[in-house]
PDB file of all heavy atoms in Angstrom:
ATOM      1  N   LYS A   1      10.486  10.026 -14.153  1.00  0.00           N
ATOM      2  CA  LYS A   1       9.632   9.082 -13.432  1.00  0.00           C
ATOM      3  C   LYS A   1      10.398   7.978 -12.724  1.00  0.00           C
ATOM      4  O   LYS A   1       9.874   7.356 -11.787  1.00  0.00           O
ATOM      5  CB  LYS A   1       8.594   8.475 -14.387  1.00  0.00           C
ATOM      6  CG  LYS A   1       9.165   7.599 -15.488  1.00  0.00           C
ATOM      7  CD  LYS A   1       8.034   7.059 -16.349  1.00  0.00           C
ATOM      8  CE  LYS A   1       8.545   6.143 -17.457  1.00  0.00           C
ATOM      9  NZ  LYS A   1       7.435   5.627 -18.268  1.00  0.00           N
ATOM     10  N   ASN A   2      11.654   7.733 -13.134  1.00  0.00           N
ATOM     11  CA  ASN A   2      12.457   6.687 -12.484  1.00  0.00           C
ATOM     12  C   ASN A   2      13.560   7.246 -11.586  1.00  0.00           C
ATOM     13  O   ASN A   2      14.372   6.494 -11.061  1.00  0.00           O
ATOM     14  CB  ASN A   2      13.079   5.770 -13.543  1.00  0.00           C
ATOM     15  CG  ASN A   2      12.028   4.992 -14.312  1.00  0.00           C
ATOM     16  OD1 ASN A   2      11.033   4.542 -13.744  1.00  0.00           O
ATOM     17  ND2 ASN A   2      12.232   4.839 -15.613  1.00  0.00           N
ATOM     18  N   ARG A   3      13.582   8.558 -11.403  1.00  0.00           N
ATOM     19  CA  ARG A   3      14.610   9.152 -10.548  1.00  0.00           C
ATOM     20  C   ARG A   3      14.239   8.989  -9.081  1.00  0.00           C
ATOM     21  O   ARG A   3      13.064   8.845  -8.728  1.00  0.00           O
ATOM     22  CB  ARG A   3      14.781  10.632 -10.883  1.00  0.00           C
ATOM     23  CG  ARG A   3      15.367  10.878 -12.269  1.00  0.00           C
ATOM     24  CD  ARG A   3      16.042  12.228 -12.325  1.00  0.00           C
ATOM     25  NE  ARG A   3      16.553  12.542 -13.652  1.00  0.00           N
ATOM     26  CZ  ARG A   3      17.250  13.622 -13.950  1.00  0.00           C
ATOM     27  NH1 ARG A   3      17.516  14.505 -12.995  1.00  0.00           N
ATOM     28  NH2 ARG A   3      17.685  13.839 -15.173  1.00  0.00           N
ATOM     29  N   PRO A   4      15.249   9.037  -8.182  1.00  0.00           N
ATOM     30  CA  PRO A   4      14.965   8.904  -6.748  1.00  0.00           C
ATOM     31  C   PRO A   4      14.035  10.003  -6.252  1.00  0.00           C
ATOM     32  O   PRO A   4      14.018  11.110  -6.788  1.00  0.00           O
ATOM     33  CB  PRO A   4      16.360   9.014  -6.109  1.00  0.00           C
ATOM     34  CG  PRO A   4      17.318   8.688  -7.199  1.00  0.00           C
ATOM     35  CD  PRO A   4      16.684   9.154  -8.468  1.00  0.00           C
ATOM     36  N   THR A   5      13.308   9.683  -5.199  1.00  0.00           N
ATOM     37  CA  THR A   5      12.337  10.626  -4.658  1.00  0.00           C
ATOM     38  C   THR A   5      12.999  11.907  -4.174  1.00  0.00           C
ATOM     39  O   THR A   5      12.466  13.009  -4.371  1.00  0.00           O
ATOM     40  CB  THR A   5      11.556   9.979  -3.503  1.00  0.00           C
ATOM     41  OG1 THR A   5      10.828   8.852  -4.005  1.00  0.00           O
ATOM     42  CG2 THR A   5      10.568  10.964  -2.883  1.00  0.00           C
ATOM     43  N   HIS A   6      14.185  11.791  -3.566  1.00  0.00           N
ATOM     44  CA  HIS A   6      14.825  13.004  -3.045  1.00  0.00           C
ATOM     45  C   HIS A   6      15.224  13.964  -4.163  1.00  0.00           C
ATOM     46  O   HIS A   6      15.212  15.181  -3.982  1.00  0.00           O
ATOM     47  CB  HIS A   6      16.052  12.646  -2.185  1.00  0.00           C
ATOM     48  CG  HIS A   6      17.219  12.124  -2.961  1.00  0.00           C
ATOM     49  ND1 HIS A   6      17.364  10.778  -3.291  1.00  0.00           N
ATOM     50  CD2 HIS A   6      18.310  12.767  -3.484  1.00  0.00           C
ATOM     51  CE1 HIS A   6      18.492  10.618  -3.970  1.00  0.00           C
ATOM     52  NE2 HIS A   6      19.081  11.793  -4.111  1.00  0.00           N
ATOM     53  N   GLU A   7      15.581  13.419  -5.347  1.00  0.00           N
ATOM     54  CA  GLU A   7      15.905  14.288  -6.485  1.00  0.00           C
ATOM     55  C   GLU A   7      14.651  14.996  -6.994  1.00  0.00           C
ATOM     56  O   GLU A   7      14.697  16.174  -7.377  1.00  0.00           O
ATOM     57  CB  GLU A   7      16.537  13.468  -7.613  1.00  0.00           C
ATOM     58  CG  GLU A   7      17.944  12.980  -7.313  1.00  0.00           C
ATOM     59  CD  GLU A   7      18.583  12.345  -8.534  1.00  0.00           C
ATOM     60  OE1 GLU A   7      18.072  12.560  -9.661  1.00  0.00           O
ATOM     61  OE2 GLU A   7      19.599  11.636  -8.375  1.00  0.00           O
ATOM     62  N   ILE A   8      13.541  14.283  -7.003  1.00  0.00           N
ATOM     63  CA  ILE A   8      12.278  14.878  -7.449  1.00  0.00           C
ATOM     64  C   ILE A   8      11.859  15.990  -6.497  1.00  0.00           C
ATOM     65  O   ILE A   8      11.421  17.075  -6.921  1.00  0.00           O
ATOM     66  CB  ILE A   8      11.184  13.802  -7.551  1.00  0.00           C
ATOM     67  CG1 ILE A   8      11.544  12.772  -8.631  1.00  0.00           C
ATOM     68  CG2 ILE A   8       9.823  14.441  -7.861  1.00  0.00           C
ATOM     69  CD1 ILE A   8      10.561  11.632  -8.743  1.00  0.00           C
ATOM     70  N   LEU A   9      12.020  15.746  -5.178  1.00  0.00           N
ATOM     71  CA  LEU A   9      11.682  16.768  -4.199  1.00  0.00           C
ATOM     72  C   LEU A   9      12.573  17.998  -4.341  1.00  0.00           C
ATOM     73  O   LEU A   9      12.103  19.137  -4.233  1.00  0.00           O
ATOM     74  CB  LEU A   9      11.801  16.196  -2.783  1.00  0.00           C
ATOM     75  CG  LEU A   9      10.689  15.231  -2.347  1.00  0.00           C
ATOM     76  CD1 LEU A   9      11.033  14.605  -0.999  1.00  0.00           C
ATOM     77  CD2 LEU A   9       9.349  15.946  -2.272  1.00  0.00           C
ATOM     78  N   GLN A  10      13.863  17.767  -4.591  1.00  0.00           N
ATOM     79  CA  GLN A  10      14.787  18.887  -4.758  1.00  0.00           C
ATOM     80  C   GLN A  10      14.417  19.716  -5.982  1.00  0.00           C
ATOM     81  O   GLN A  10      14.396  20.947  -5.941  1.00  0.00           O
ATOM     82  CB  GLN A  10      16.227  18.366  -4.887  1.00  0.00           C
ATOM     83  CG  GLN A  10      17.286  19.460  -4.965  1.00  0.00           C
ATOM     84  CD  GLN A  10      17.307  20.328  -3.723  1.00  0.00           C
ATOM     85  OE1 GLN A  10      17.327  19.812  -2.606  1.00  0.00           O
ATOM     86  NE2 GLN A  10      17.300  21.644  -3.908  1.00  0.00           N
ATOM     87  N   LYS A  11      14.106  19.027  -7.088  1.00  0.00           N
ATOM     88  CA  LYS A  11      13.700  19.726  -8.301  1.00  0.00           C
ATOM     89  C   LYS A  11      12.395  20.477  -8.078  1.00  0.00           C
ATOM     90  O   LYS A  11      12.205  21.603  -8.561  1.00  0.00           O
ATOM     91  CB  LYS A  11      13.539  18.723  -9.449  1.00  0.00           C
ATOM     92  CG  LYS A  11      13.096  19.345 -10.775  1.00  0.00           C
ATOM     93  CD  LYS A  11      14.123  20.306 -11.327  1.00  0.00           C
ATOM     94  CE  LYS A  11      13.716  20.821 -12.697  1.00  0.00           C
ATOM     95  NZ  LYS A  11      14.663  21.817 -13.241  1.00  0.00           N
ATOM     96  N   LEU A  12      11.480  19.865  -7.321  1.00  0.00           N
ATOM     97  CA  LEU A  12      10.201  20.487  -7.034  1.00  0.00           C
ATOM     98  C   LEU A  12      10.398  21.779  -6.238  1.00  0.00           C
ATOM     99  O   LEU A  12       9.716  22.784  -6.472  1.00  0.00           O
ATOM    100  CB  LEU A  12       9.313  19.516  -6.258  1.00  0.00           C
ATOM    101  CG  LEU A  12       7.873  19.948  -5.949  1.00  0.00           C
ATOM    102  CD1 LEU A  12       7.090  20.186  -7.234  1.00  0.00           C
ATOM    103  CD2 LEU A  12       7.174  18.892  -5.092  1.00  0.00           C
ATOM    104  N   ASN A  13      11.330  21.758  -5.306  1.00  0.00           N
ATOM    105  CA  ASN A  13      11.598  22.947  -4.486  1.00  0.00           C
ATOM    106  C   ASN A  13      12.255  24.062  -5.285  1.00  0.00           C
ATOM    107  O   ASN A  13      12.020  25.247  -5.030  1.00  0.00           O
ATOM    108  CB  ASN A  13      12.485  22.575  -3.300  1.00  0.00           C
ATOM    109  CG  ASN A  13      11.784  21.638  -2.328  1.00  0.00           C
ATOM    110  OD1 ASN A  13      10.557  21.579  -2.279  1.00  0.00           O
ATOM    111  ND2 ASN A  13      12.559  20.890  -1.562  1.00  0.00           N
ATOM    112  N   ASP A  14      13.100  23.680  -6.256  1.00  0.00           N
ATOM    113  CA  ASP A  14      13.841  24.672  -7.040  1.00  0.00           C
ATOM    114  C   ASP A  14      13.071  25.174  -8.243  1.00  0.00           C
ATOM    115  O   ASP A  14      13.476  26.159  -8.874  1.00  0.00           O
ATOM    116  CB  ASP A  14      15.182  24.078  -7.504  1.00  0.00           C
ATOM    117  CG  ASP A  14      16.078  23.681  -6.339  1.00  0.00           C
ATOM    118  OD1 ASP A  14      15.877  24.231  -5.239  1.00  0.00           O
ATOM    119  OD2 ASP A  14      16.956  22.811  -6.528  1.00  0.00           O
ATOM    120  N   CYS A  15      11.998  24.493  -8.613  1.00  0.00           N
ATOM    121  CA  CYS A  15      11.282  24.780  -9.863  1.00  0.00           C
ATOM    122  C   CYS A  15      10.172  25.797  -9.628  1.00  0.00           C
ATOM    123  O   CYS A  15       9.376  25.675  -8.699  1.00  0.00           O
ATOM    124  CB  CYS A  15      10.705  23.479 -10.433  1.00  0.00           C
ATOM    125  SG  CYS A  15       9.787  23.697 -11.951  1.00  0.00           S
ATOM    126  N   SER A  16      10.111  26.815 -10.467  1.00  0.00           N
ATOM    127  CA  SER A  16       9.046  27.812 -10.384  1.00  0.00           C
ATOM    128  C   SER A  16       7.979  27.621 -11.461  1.00  0.00           C
ATOM    129  O   SER A  16       6.940  28.280 -11.436  1.00  0.00           O
ATOM    130  CB  SER A  16       9.629  29.227 -10.519  1.00  0.00           C
ATOM    131  OG  SER A  16      10.289  29.377 -11.770  1.00  0.00           O
ATOM    132  N   CYS A  17       8.232  26.725 -12.403  1.00  0.00           N
ATOM    133  CA  CYS A  17       7.281  26.468 -13.494  1.00  0.00           C
ATOM    134  C   CYS A  17       6.150  25.573 -12.989  1.00  0.00           C
ATOM    135  O   CYS A  17       6.378  24.448 -12.537  1.00  0.00           O
ATOM    136  CB  CYS A  17       8.009  25.800 -14.662  1.00  0.00           C
ATOM    137  SG  CYS A  17       6.924  25.269 -15.998  1.00  0.00           S
ATOM    138  N   LEU A  18       4.910  26.066 -13.062  1.00  0.00           N
ATOM    139  CA  LEU A  18       3.773  25.308 -12.567  1.00  0.00           C
ATOM    140  C   LEU A  18       3.541  24.022 -13.356  1.00  0.00           C
ATOM    141  O   LEU A  18       3.129  23.002 -12.799  1.00  0.00           O
ATOM    142  CB  LEU A  18       2.514  26.170 -12.597  1.00  0.00           C
ATOM    143  CG  LEU A  18       2.481  27.350 -11.617  1.00  0.00           C
ATOM    144  CD1 LEU A  18       1.208  28.168 -11.817  1.00  0.00           C
ATOM    145  CD2 LEU A  18       2.569  26.863 -10.181  1.00  0.00           C
ATOM    146  N   ALA A  19       3.806  24.063 -14.664  1.00  0.00           N
ATOM    147  CA  ALA A  19       3.630  22.871 -15.494  1.00  0.00           C
ATOM    148  C   ALA A  19       4.589  21.773 -15.045  1.00  0.00           C
ATOM    149  O   ALA A  19       4.220  20.598 -14.957  1.00  0.00           O
ATOM    150  CB  ALA A  19       3.848  23.215 -16.960  1.00  0.00           C
ATOM    151  N   SER A  20       5.822  22.137 -14.756  1.00  0.00           N
ATOM    152  CA  SER A  20       6.812  21.162 -14.293  1.00  0.00           C
ATOM    153  C   SER A  20       6.458  20.646 -12.904  1.00  0.00           C
ATOM    154  O   SER A  20       6.615  19.457 -12.608  1.00  0.00           O
ATOM    155  CB  SER A  20       8.208  21.792 -14.277  1.00  0.00           C
ATOM    156  OG  SER A  20       8.602  22.175 -15.577  1.00  0.00           O
ATOM    157  N   GLN A  21       5.979  21.545 -12.036  1.00  0.00           N
ATOM    158  CA  GLN A  21       5.573  21.125 -10.703  1.00  0.00           C
ATOM    159  C   GLN A  21       4.451  20.090 -10.767  1.00  0.00           C
ATOM    160  O   GLN A  21       4.446  19.108 -10.017  1.00  0.00           O
ATOM    161  CB  GLN A  21       5.114  22.334  -9.893  1.00  0.00           C
ATOM    162  CG  GLN A  21       6.224  23.279  -9.492  1.00  0.00           C
ATOM    163  CD  GLN A  21       5.715  24.441  -8.649  1.00  0.00           C
ATOM    164  OE1 GLN A  21       4.724  24.307  -7.930  1.00  0.00           O
ATOM    165  NE2 GLN A  21       6.382  25.585  -8.747  1.00  0.00           N
ATOM    166  N   ALA A  22       3.510  20.297 -11.677  1.00  0.00           N
ATOM    167  CA  ALA A  22       2.394  19.361 -11.812  1.00  0.00           C
ATOM    168  C   ALA A  22       2.893  17.984 -12.250  1.00  0.00           C
ATOM    169  O   ALA A  22       2.404  16.955 -11.771  1.00  0.00           O
ATOM    170  CB  ALA A  22       1.378  19.897 -12.822  1.00  0.00           C
ATOM    171  N   ILE A  23       3.879  17.949 -13.149  1.00  0.00           N
ATOM    172  CA  ILE A  23       4.448  16.680 -13.600  1.00  0.00           C
ATOM    173  C   ILE A  23       5.144  15.969 -12.450  1.00  0.00           C
ATOM    174  O   ILE A  23       4.944  14.764 -12.208  1.00  0.00           O
ATOM    175  CB  ILE A  23       5.426  16.907 -14.762  1.00  0.00           C
ATOM    176  CG1 ILE A  23       4.682  17.388 -16.004  1.00  0.00           C
ATOM    177  CG2 ILE A  23       6.196  15.628 -15.078  1.00  0.00           C
ATOM    178  CD1 ILE A  23       5.590  17.750 -17.165  1.00  0.00           C
ATOM    179  N   LEU A  24       5.972  16.697 -11.707  1.00  0.00           N
ATOM    180  CA  LEU A  24       6.709  16.107 -10.589  1.00  0.00           C
ATOM    181  C   LEU A  24       5.763  15.616  -9.490  1.00  0.00           C
ATOM    182  O   LEU A  24       5.965  14.537  -8.915  1.00  0.00           O
ATOM    183  CB  LEU A  24       7.688  17.142 -10.018  1.00  0.00           C
ATOM    184  CG  LEU A  24       8.816  17.581 -10.967  1.00  0.00           C
ATOM    185  CD1 LEU A  24       9.582  18.759 -10.366  1.00  0.00           C
ATOM    186  CD2 LEU A  24       9.760  16.428 -11.264  1.00  0.00           C
ATOM    187  N   LEU A  25       4.742  16.398  -9.214  1.00  0.00           N
ATOM    188  CA  LEU A  25       3.769  15.992  -8.195  1.00  0.00           C
ATOM    189  C   LEU A  25       2.980  14.762  -8.638  1.00  0.00           C
ATOM    190  O   LEU A  25       2.603  13.926  -7.802  1.00  0.00           O
ATOM    191  CB  LEU A  25       2.819  17.153  -7.895  1.00  0.00           C
ATOM    192  CG  LEU A  25       3.436  18.303  -7.098  1.00  0.00           C
ATOM    193  CD1 LEU A  25       2.521  19.523  -7.121  1.00  0.00           C
ATOM    194  CD2 LEU A  25       3.702  17.873  -5.658  1.00  0.00           C
ATOM    195  N   GLY A  26       2.734  14.647  -9.939  1.00  0.00           N
ATOM    196  CA  GLY A  26       2.057  13.454 -10.448  1.00  0.00           C
ATOM    197  C   GLY A  26       2.897  12.206 -10.236  1.00  0.00           C
ATOM    198  O   GLY A  26       2.375  11.133  -9.901  1.00  0.00           O
ATOM    199  N   ILE A  27       4.215  12.337 -10.419  1.00  0.00           N
ATOM    200  CA  ILE A  27       5.110  11.205 -10.179  1.00  0.00           C
ATOM    201  C   ILE A  27       5.109  10.825  -8.705  1.00  0.00           C
ATOM    202  O   ILE A  27       5.041   9.645  -8.343  1.00  0.00           O
ATOM    203  CB  ILE A  27       6.542  11.557 -10.645  1.00  0.00           C
ATOM    204  CG1 ILE A  27       6.560  11.810 -12.159  1.00  0.00           C
ATOM    205  CG2 ILE A  27       7.515  10.432 -10.283  1.00  0.00           C
ATOM    206  CD1 ILE A  27       7.885  12.320 -12.676  1.00  0.00           C
ATOM    207  N   LEU A  28       5.179  11.838  -7.830  1.00  0.00           N
ATOM    208  CA  LEU A  28       5.154  11.576  -6.387  1.00  0.00           C
ATOM    209  C   LEU A  28       3.830  10.968  -5.942  1.00  0.00           C
ATOM    210  O   LEU A  28       3.798  10.082  -5.082  1.00  0.00           O
ATOM    211  CB  LEU A  28       5.416  12.875  -5.624  1.00  0.00           C
ATOM    212  CG  LEU A  28       6.833  13.449  -5.689  1.00  0.00           C
ATOM    213  CD1 LEU A  28       6.895  14.785  -4.961  1.00  0.00           C
ATOM    214  CD2 LEU A  28       7.846  12.474  -5.080  1.00  0.00           C
ATOM    215  N   LEU A  29       2.737  11.448  -6.523  1.00  0.00           N
ATOM    216  CA  LEU A  29       1.419  10.922  -6.177  1.00  0.00           C
ATOM    217  C   LEU A  29       1.324   9.439  -6.487  1.00  0.00           C
ATOM    218  O   LEU A  29       0.831   8.645  -5.674  1.00  0.00           O
ATOM    219  CB  LEU A  29       0.341  11.698  -6.934  1.00  0.00           C
ATOM    220  CG  LEU A  29      -1.107  11.246  -6.716  1.00  0.00           C
ATOM    221  CD1 LEU A  29      -1.543  11.504  -5.278  1.00  0.00           C
ATOM    222  CD2 LEU A  29      -2.039  11.951  -7.686  1.00  0.00           C
ATOM    223  N   LYS A  30       1.812   9.059  -7.642  1.00  0.00           N
ATOM    224  CA  LYS A  30       1.763   7.659  -8.054  1.00  0.00           C
ATOM    225  C   LYS A  30       2.709   6.798  -7.221  1.00  0.00           C
ATOM    226  O   LYS A  30       2.379   5.677  -6.850  1.00  0.00           O
ATOM    227  CB  LYS A  30       2.132   7.559  -9.539  1.00  0.00           C
ATOM    228  CG  LYS A  30       2.167   6.135 -10.064  1.00  0.00           C
ATOM    229  CD  LYS A  30       2.589   6.116 -11.517  1.00  0.00           C
ATOM    230  CE  LYS A  30       2.731   4.693 -12.025  1.00  0.00           C
ATOM    231  NZ  LYS A  30       3.192   4.655 -13.432  1.00  0.00           N
ATOM    232  N   ARG A  31       3.876   7.344  -6.885  1.00  0.00           N
ATOM    233  CA  ARG A  31       4.906   6.560  -6.190  1.00  0.00           C
ATOM    234  C   ARG A  31       4.703   6.526  -4.679  1.00  0.00           C
ATOM    235  O   ARG A  31       4.814   5.482  -4.044  1.00  0.00           O
ATOM    236  CB  ARG A  31       6.288   7.128  -6.509  1.00  0.00           C
ATOM    237  CG  ARG A  31       7.437   6.351  -5.864  1.00  0.00           C
ATOM    238  CD  ARG A  31       8.752   7.068  -6.079  1.00  0.00           C
ATOM    239  NE  ARG A  31       9.074   7.207  -7.504  1.00  0.00           N
ATOM    240  CZ  ARG A  31      10.169   7.819  -7.943  1.00  0.00           C
ATOM    241  NH1 ARG A  31      11.027   8.361  -7.076  1.00  0.00           N
ATOM    242  NH2 ARG A  31      10.401   7.921  -9.237  1.00  0.00           N
ATOM    243  N   GLU A  32       4.415   7.689  -4.083  1.00  0.00           N
ATOM    244  CA  GLU A  32       4.395   7.803  -2.627  1.00  0.00           C
ATOM    245  C   GLU A  32       2.994   7.934  -2.037  1.00  0.00           C
ATOM    246  O   GLU A  32       2.812   7.760  -0.835  1.00  0.00           O
ATOM    247  CB  GLU A  32       5.230   9.016  -2.179  1.00  0.00           C
ATOM    248  CG  GLU A  32       6.649   9.034  -2.727  1.00  0.00           C
ATOM    249  CD  GLU A  32       7.523   7.944  -2.136  1.00  0.00           C
ATOM    250  OE1 GLU A  32       7.085   7.310  -1.163  1.00  0.00           O
ATOM    251  OE2 GLU A  32       8.636   7.734  -2.651  1.00  0.00           O
ATOM    252  N   GLY A  33       2.018   8.292  -2.865  1.00  0.00           N
ATOM    253  CA  GLY A  33       0.661   8.433  -2.363  1.00  0.00           C
ATOM    254  C   GLY A  33       0.307   9.880  -2.035  1.00  0.00           C
ATOM    255  O   GLY A  33       1.188  10.739  -1.952  1.00  0.00           O
ATOM    256  N   PRO A  34      -0.976  10.180  -1.831  1.00  0.00           N
ATOM    257  CA  PRO A  34      -1.437  11.566  -1.643  1.00  0.00           C
ATOM    258  C   PRO A  34      -0.994  12.192  -0.323  1.00  0.00           C
ATOM    259  O   PRO A  34      -0.994  13.410  -0.193  1.00  0.00           O
ATOM    260  CB  PRO A  34      -2.960  11.448  -1.706  1.00  0.00           C
ATOM    261  CG  PRO A  34      -3.247  10.040  -1.298  1.00  0.00           C
ATOM    262  CD  PRO A  34      -2.102   9.221  -1.816  1.00  0.00           C
ATOM    263  N   ASN A  35      -0.631  11.387   0.678  1.00  0.00           N
ATOM    264  CA  ASN A  35      -0.288  11.929   1.998  1.00  0.00           C
ATOM    265  C   ASN A  35       1.208  12.100   2.208  1.00  0.00           C
ATOM    266  O   ASN A  35       1.632  12.447   3.315  1.00  0.00           O
ATOM    267  CB  ASN A  35      -0.868  11.017   3.092  1.00  0.00           C
ATOM    268  CG  ASN A  35      -2.390  10.976   3.069  1.00  0.00           C
ATOM    269  OD1 ASN A  35      -3.043  11.984   2.842  1.00  0.00           O
ATOM    270  ND2 ASN A  35      -2.949   9.804   3.279  1.00  0.00           N
ATOM    271  N   PHE A  36       1.991  11.867   1.175  1.00  0.00           N
ATOM    272  CA  PHE A  36       3.435  12.067   1.272  1.00  0.00           C
ATOM    273  C   PHE A  36       3.727  13.563   1.450  1.00  0.00           C
ATOM    274  O   PHE A  36       3.116  14.407   0.801  1.00  0.00           O
ATOM    275  CB  PHE A  36       4.119  11.537   0.011  1.00  0.00           C
ATOM    276  CG  PHE A  36       5.620  11.620   0.044  1.00  0.00           C
ATOM    277  CD1 PHE A  36       6.359  10.756   0.825  1.00  0.00           C
ATOM    278  CD2 PHE A  36       6.281  12.585  -0.707  1.00  0.00           C
ATOM    279  CE1 PHE A  36       7.747  10.836   0.851  1.00  0.00           C
ATOM    280  CE2 PHE A  36       7.661  12.665  -0.687  1.00  0.00           C
ATOM    281  CZ  PHE A  36       8.392  11.790   0.099  1.00  0.00           C
ATOM    282  N   ILE A  37       4.654  13.893   2.342  1.00  0.00           N
ATOM    283  CA  ILE A  37       4.904  15.281   2.704  1.00  0.00           C
ATOM    284  C   ILE A  37       5.915  15.928   1.759  1.00  0.00           C
ATOM    285  O   ILE A  37       6.989  15.381   1.504  1.00  0.00           O
ATOM    286  CB  ILE A  37       5.420  15.385   4.156  1.00  0.00           C
ATOM    287  CG1 ILE A  37       4.381  14.803   5.124  1.00  0.00           C
ATOM    288  CG2 ILE A  37       5.704  16.843   4.517  1.00  0.00           C
ATOM    289  CD1 ILE A  37       3.045  15.507   5.110  1.00  0.00           C
ATOM    290  N   THR A  38       5.559  17.114   1.250  1.00  0.00           N
ATOM    291  CA  THR A  38       6.459  17.945   0.461  1.00  0.00           C
ATOM    292  C   THR A  38       6.685  19.253   1.209  1.00  0.00           C
ATOM    293  O   THR A  38       6.237  19.410   2.353  1.00  0.00           O
ATOM    294  CB  THR A  38       5.866  18.243  -0.928  1.00  0.00           C
ATOM    295  OG1 THR A  38       4.740  19.123  -0.783  1.00  0.00           O
ATOM    296  CG2 THR A  38       5.410  16.970  -1.624  1.00  0.00           C
ATOM    297  N   LYS A  39       7.355  20.187   0.574  1.00  0.00           N
ATOM    298  CA  LYS A  39       7.634  21.470   1.209  1.00  0.00           C
ATOM    299  C   LYS A  39       6.360  22.244   1.490  1.00  0.00           C
ATOM    300  O   LYS A  39       6.302  23.051   2.428  1.00  0.00           O
ATOM    301  CB  LYS A  39       8.558  22.292   0.305  1.00  0.00           C
ATOM    302  CG  LYS A  39       9.053  23.594   0.927  1.00  0.00           C
ATOM    303  CD  LYS A  39      10.000  24.319  -0.013  1.00  0.00           C
ATOM    304  CE  LYS A  39      10.498  25.624   0.608  1.00  0.00           C
ATOM    305  NZ  LYS A  39      11.442  26.332  -0.308  1.00  0.00           N
ATOM    306  N   GLU A  40       5.307  22.004   0.700  1.00  0.00           N
ATOM    307  CA  GLU A  40       4.036  22.716   0.865  1.00  0.00           C
ATOM    308  C   GLU A  40       2.928  21.792   1.366  1.00  0.00           C
ATOM    309  O   GLU A  40       1.789  21.880   0.942  1.00  0.00           O
ATOM    310  CB  GLU A  40       3.623  23.378  -0.448  1.00  0.00           C
ATOM    311  CG  GLU A  40       4.587  24.438  -0.933  1.00  0.00           C
ATOM    312  CD  GLU A  40       4.010  25.266  -2.060  1.00  0.00           C
ATOM    313  OE1 GLU A  40       2.777  25.424  -2.109  1.00  0.00           O
ATOM    314  OE2 GLU A  40       4.786  25.775  -2.887  1.00  0.00           O
ATOM    315  N   GLY A  41       3.269  20.905   2.275  1.00  0.00           N
ATOM    316  CA  GLY A  41       2.265  20.006   2.834  1.00  0.00           C
ATOM    317  C   GLY A  41       2.244  18.668   2.120  1.00  0.00           C
ATOM    318  O   GLY A  41       3.250  18.241   1.532  1.00  0.00           O
ATOM    319  N   THR A  42       1.112  17.999   2.161  1.00  0.00           N
ATOM    320  CA  THR A  42       0.992  16.708   1.495  1.00  0.00           C
ATOM    321  C   THR A  42       1.006  16.891  -0.024  1.00  0.00           C
ATOM    322  O   THR A  42       0.784  18.001  -0.532  1.00  0.00           O
ATOM    323  CB  THR A  42      -0.308  15.998   1.905  1.00  0.00           C
ATOM    324  OG1 THR A  42      -1.434  16.770   1.437  1.00  0.00           O
ATOM    325  CG2 THR A  42      -0.402  15.848   3.412  1.00  0.00           C
ATOM    326  N   VAL A  43       1.246  15.793  -0.721  1.00  0.00           N
ATOM    327  CA  VAL A  43       1.230  15.841  -2.185  1.00  0.00           C
ATOM    328  C   VAL A  43      -0.119  16.330  -2.683  1.00  0.00           C
ATOM    329  O   VAL A  43      -0.215  17.150  -3.599  1.00  0.00           O
ATOM    330  CB  VAL A  43       1.551  14.455  -2.775  1.00  0.00           C
ATOM    331  CG1 VAL A  43       1.268  14.429  -4.280  1.00  0.00           C
ATOM    332  CG2 VAL A  43       3.007  14.088  -2.521  1.00  0.00           C
ATOM    333  N   SER A  44      -1.195  15.843  -2.064  1.00  0.00           N
ATOM    334  CA  SER A  44      -2.541  16.247  -2.472  1.00  0.00           C
ATOM    335  C   SER A  44      -2.754  17.743  -2.277  1.00  0.00           C
ATOM    336  O   SER A  44      -3.299  18.428  -3.154  1.00  0.00           O
ATOM    337  CB  SER A  44      -3.578  15.447  -1.673  1.00  0.00           C
ATOM    338  OG  SER A  44      -4.884  15.821  -2.051  1.00  0.00           O
ATOM    339  N   ASP A  45      -2.311  18.266  -1.123  1.00  0.00           N
ATOM    340  CA  ASP A  45      -2.448  19.701  -0.862  1.00  0.00           C
ATOM    341  C   ASP A  45      -1.607  20.525  -1.827  1.00  0.00           C
ATOM    342  O   ASP A  45      -2.029  21.596  -2.288  1.00  0.00           O
ATOM    343  CB  ASP A  45      -2.030  20.020   0.573  1.00  0.00           C
ATOM    344  CG  ASP A  45      -3.003  19.453   1.598  1.00  0.00           C
ATOM    345  OD1 ASP A  45      -4.155  19.182   1.223  1.00  0.00           O
ATOM    346  OD2 ASP A  45      -2.593  19.274   2.763  1.00  0.00           O
TER     347      ASP A  45
END
């Protein structure tokens, strides 16, 4: 939760575990908001 956003995005791209993706996306949602862009669209999408 305290790691830089770019590290979280990198882990999100490399991670295939849905449970881990949900955790990382929750951190991004709280930090960057629902409209922050990831590899698969906005955080909300």
